[in-house]
Protein backbone atom coordinates (compact mmCIF):
# COMPACT_ATOMS: atom_id res chain seq x y z
CA MET A 1 24.69 -21.95 22.25
CA ARG A 2 23.04 -25.36 21.77
CA ARG A 3 19.42 -23.33 21.85
CA SER A 4 20.91 -20.55 19.33
CA ALA A 5 22.06 -23.36 17.24
CA ILE A 6 18.51 -24.94 17.01
CA VAL A 7 17.28 -21.51 16.05
CA LEU A 8 19.47 -21.05 13.45
CA ALA A 9 19.18 -24.25 11.64
CA ALA A 10 15.16 -24.04 12.11
CA THR A 11 15.20 -20.60 10.51
CA ALA A 12 17.64 -21.41 7.71
CA ALA A 13 15.16 -24.55 6.80
CA GLY A 14 12.27 -21.96 6.99
CA LEU A 15 14.10 -19.67 4.61
CA GLY A 16 15.05 -22.52 2.31
CA PHE A 17 11.23 -23.81 1.86
CA VAL A 18 10.43 -20.21 1.16
CA LEU A 19 12.88 -19.76 -1.36
CA ALA A 20 12.19 -23.14 -2.76
CA TYR A 21 8.33 -22.27 -3.20
CA HIS A 22 7.11 -21.48 -6.58
CA PRO A 23 3.61 -21.04 -7.83
CA SER A 24 2.38 -23.50 -10.15
CA GLY A 25 1.34 -20.57 -12.49
CA GLY A 26 -1.99 -22.43 -13.07
CA ALA A 27 -5.26 -20.13 -13.73
CA ASN A 28 -6.22 -18.18 -10.65
CA ALA A 29 -3.00 -19.13 -8.60
CA ALA A 30 -2.76 -17.29 -5.45
CA LEU A 31 -5.31 -15.15 -6.40
CA PRO A 32 -8.67 -13.81 -4.46
CA ALA A 33 -11.67 -15.95 -5.30
CA SER A 34 -13.28 -12.35 -6.12
CA VAL A 35 -10.92 -12.37 -9.50
CA ALA A 36 -12.30 -15.71 -10.65
CA ALA A 37 -16.15 -15.39 -10.18
CA SER A 38 -18.46 -13.03 -12.04
CA SER A 39 -19.15 -9.71 -10.93
CA LYS A 40 -22.66 -10.54 -11.18
CA SER A 41 -24.69 -13.80 -10.74
CA GLY A 42 -27.81 -14.92 -11.91
CA VAL A 43 -27.07 -15.47 -15.76
CA GLY A 44 -30.38 -16.89 -17.15
CA ALA A 45 -29.93 -18.22 -20.62
CA GLY A 46 -27.97 -16.05 -22.82
CA VAL A 47 -24.78 -16.08 -24.43
CA THR A 48 -21.34 -16.61 -23.37
CA ALA A 49 -18.25 -15.71 -25.04
CA VAL A 50 -14.35 -15.96 -24.01
CA GLY A 51 -12.27 -13.28 -25.42
CA SER A 52 -8.82 -13.95 -27.10
CA ASP A 53 -5.94 -15.02 -24.75
CA GLN A 54 -3.97 -11.72 -24.08
CA PRO A 55 -0.37 -11.54 -22.99
CA LEU A 56 0.39 -8.89 -20.21
CA GLN A 57 3.36 -6.85 -21.19
CA GLY A 58 6.72 -7.81 -19.72
CA GLY A 59 5.98 -11.32 -19.74
CA LEU A 60 4.04 -11.14 -16.24
CA GLY A 61 1.64 -13.60 -17.37
CA ASP A 62 -1.55 -13.53 -19.52
CA LEU A 63 -5.36 -13.23 -19.16
CA GLN A 64 -8.78 -14.23 -21.19
CA VAL A 65 -12.09 -12.42 -20.55
CA ARG A 66 -15.18 -14.49 -19.91
CA VAL A 67 -18.25 -12.46 -20.75
CA SER A 68 -22.43 -13.08 -20.60
CA ALA A 69 -24.89 -11.25 -22.42
CA GLN A 70 -28.75 -11.53 -22.59
CA ASN A 71 -30.99 -9.44 -24.83
CA GLY A 72 -28.18 -6.56 -25.29
CA LYS A 73 -27.24 -6.44 -21.71
CA ILE A 74 -24.22 -7.89 -19.71
CA THR A 75 -25.02 -10.23 -17.31
CA SER A 76 -21.52 -11.39 -16.04
CA VAL A 77 -17.61 -10.86 -16.34
CA GLY A 78 -15.06 -12.92 -15.36
CA MET A 79 -11.47 -14.40 -16.00
CA ALA A 80 -11.47 -17.59 -18.21
CA THR A 81 -8.34 -17.62 -17.94
CA LEU A 82 -5.76 -15.85 -15.63
CA ASN A 83 -1.73 -16.82 -15.55
CA VAL A 84 0.46 -14.78 -13.52
CA HIS A 85 3.95 -14.88 -12.40
CA GLY A 86 5.27 -13.75 -9.19
CA PRO A 87 3.49 -12.36 -6.38
CA GLN A 88 3.56 -8.88 -7.27
CA SER A 89 1.67 -9.87 -10.34
CA ALA A 90 -0.66 -11.68 -8.33
CA GLN A 91 -1.43 -8.85 -6.11
CA ILE A 92 -1.81 -6.10 -8.85
CA THR A 93 -4.11 -8.24 -10.76
CA GLY A 94 -5.89 -9.61 -7.46
CA SER A 95 -7.25 -5.96 -7.06
CA VAL A 96 -7.45 -4.62 -10.68
CA ILE A 97 -9.68 -7.72 -12.07
CA PRO A 98 -12.24 -7.29 -9.78
CA GLN A 99 -12.33 -3.30 -10.99
CA LEU A 100 -12.23 -3.71 -13.95
CA ASN A 101 -14.90 -6.46 -14.01
CA GLN A 102 -17.31 -4.01 -12.15
CA GLN A 103 -17.02 -0.96 -14.71
CA VAL A 104 -17.88 -3.43 -17.78
CA VAL A 105 -20.95 -4.46 -15.90
CA ALA A 106 -21.83 -0.72 -14.97
CA SER A 107 -20.99 0.42 -18.51
CA ASN A 108 -22.55 -2.43 -20.13
CA GLY A 109 -19.49 -3.07 -22.28
CA ARG A 110 -18.62 0.33 -23.45
CA SER A 111 -15.35 2.15 -22.84
CA ILE A 112 -13.69 1.36 -19.48
CA HIS A 113 -10.98 3.14 -17.66
CA ALA A 114 -7.58 1.86 -16.95
CA VAL A 115 -6.54 1.48 -13.34
CA SER A 116 -3.70 3.72 -12.57
CA GLY A 117 -0.95 1.66 -11.89
CA ALA A 118 -2.06 -1.40 -13.80
CA THR A 119 -2.44 0.25 -17.52
CA TYR A 120 -0.61 -2.86 -19.10
CA THR A 121 -3.13 -5.32 -17.18
CA SER A 122 -6.15 -2.81 -17.95
CA GLN A 123 -5.16 -2.70 -21.45
CA ALA A 124 -5.01 -6.44 -21.87
CA TYR A 125 -7.71 -6.96 -20.17
CA ALA A 126 -9.65 -4.57 -22.64
CA ARG A 127 -8.28 -6.28 -25.77
CA SER A 128 -9.57 -9.43 -24.57
CA LEU A 129 -13.01 -8.13 -23.43
CA GLN A 130 -13.42 -6.53 -27.13
CA ALA A 131 -13.00 -9.71 -28.62
CA ALA A 132 -15.66 -11.53 -26.28
CA LEU A 133 -18.12 -8.59 -27.07
CA ASP A 134 -17.30 -9.35 -30.81
CA LYS A 135 -18.00 -12.90 -30.56
CA ILE A 136 -21.45 -12.00 -28.69
CA ALA A 137 -22.78 -9.61 -31.42
CA THR A 138 -22.31 -12.25 -33.86
CA THR A 139 -24.97 -13.95 -32.29
CA GLY A 140 -27.14 -10.91 -33.70
CA GLY A 141 -30.40 -9.71 -32.16
CA SER A 142 -30.32 -7.60 -29.49
CA ASN A 143 -26.72 -8.55 -28.38
CA ALA A 144 -25.17 -6.91 -31.77
CA ALA A 145 -24.82 -3.78 -30.28
CA LEU A 146 -22.01 -5.27 -27.74
CA GLY A 147 -19.92 -5.58 -31.02
CA THR A 148 -16.89 -3.05 -31.94
CA GLY A 149 -18.54 -0.11 -31.75
CA ASN A 150 -18.33 0.15 -27.87
CA GLY A 151 -14.50 1.34 -27.89
CA ASN A 152 -13.04 -1.12 -25.53
CA GLY A 153 -9.76 -1.93 -27.94
CA GLY A 154 -8.54 1.57 -26.71
CA VAL A 155 -8.76 1.73 -23.09
CA ALA A 156 -9.25 5.30 -21.83
CA VAL A 157 -6.32 5.47 -19.60
CA THR A 158 -7.45 8.22 -16.97
CA GLY A 159 -5.95 9.62 -13.66
CA GLY A 160 -2.36 9.23 -13.34
CA GLY A 161 -1.88 6.46 -16.11
CA GLY A 162 1.38 4.46 -15.08
CA HIS A 163 2.07 0.84 -15.72
CA ASP A 164 2.23 -2.37 -14.24
CA ASP A 165 5.42 -2.74 -11.97
């Protein structure tokens, strides 16, 4: 009887700690390092811009994309800010952001496709990306082509579509 009471008390205490845990909500909280890191390293002298802060629909958090370009080519993309609320949002963004980063580098900033099941995150990412690319385009020269003509303001939603849960 005494042993089961100890086990029960320890279980209750552990459950209390788990339920009392609240992530800091700071940038990249509880997210894999791949989300914060750029998709491609080795950025030389170039231009870097941070996109506009975009809220994730439903109060799930907010994000800002950081893009670096040189000679009209995107050399890296990552997150300047990523605040998410709750473990499910962290899980979704933890898998979606690296996919979107890869799409941007592969397409050199042209239209990207929303990740199925994460439409809200994909759309917020695309709006912030477009703002960063527009800032880079204002530097002129070969980077001018990265501006508003690439269509990221309206992410192409393919596949099942869906929304962030």
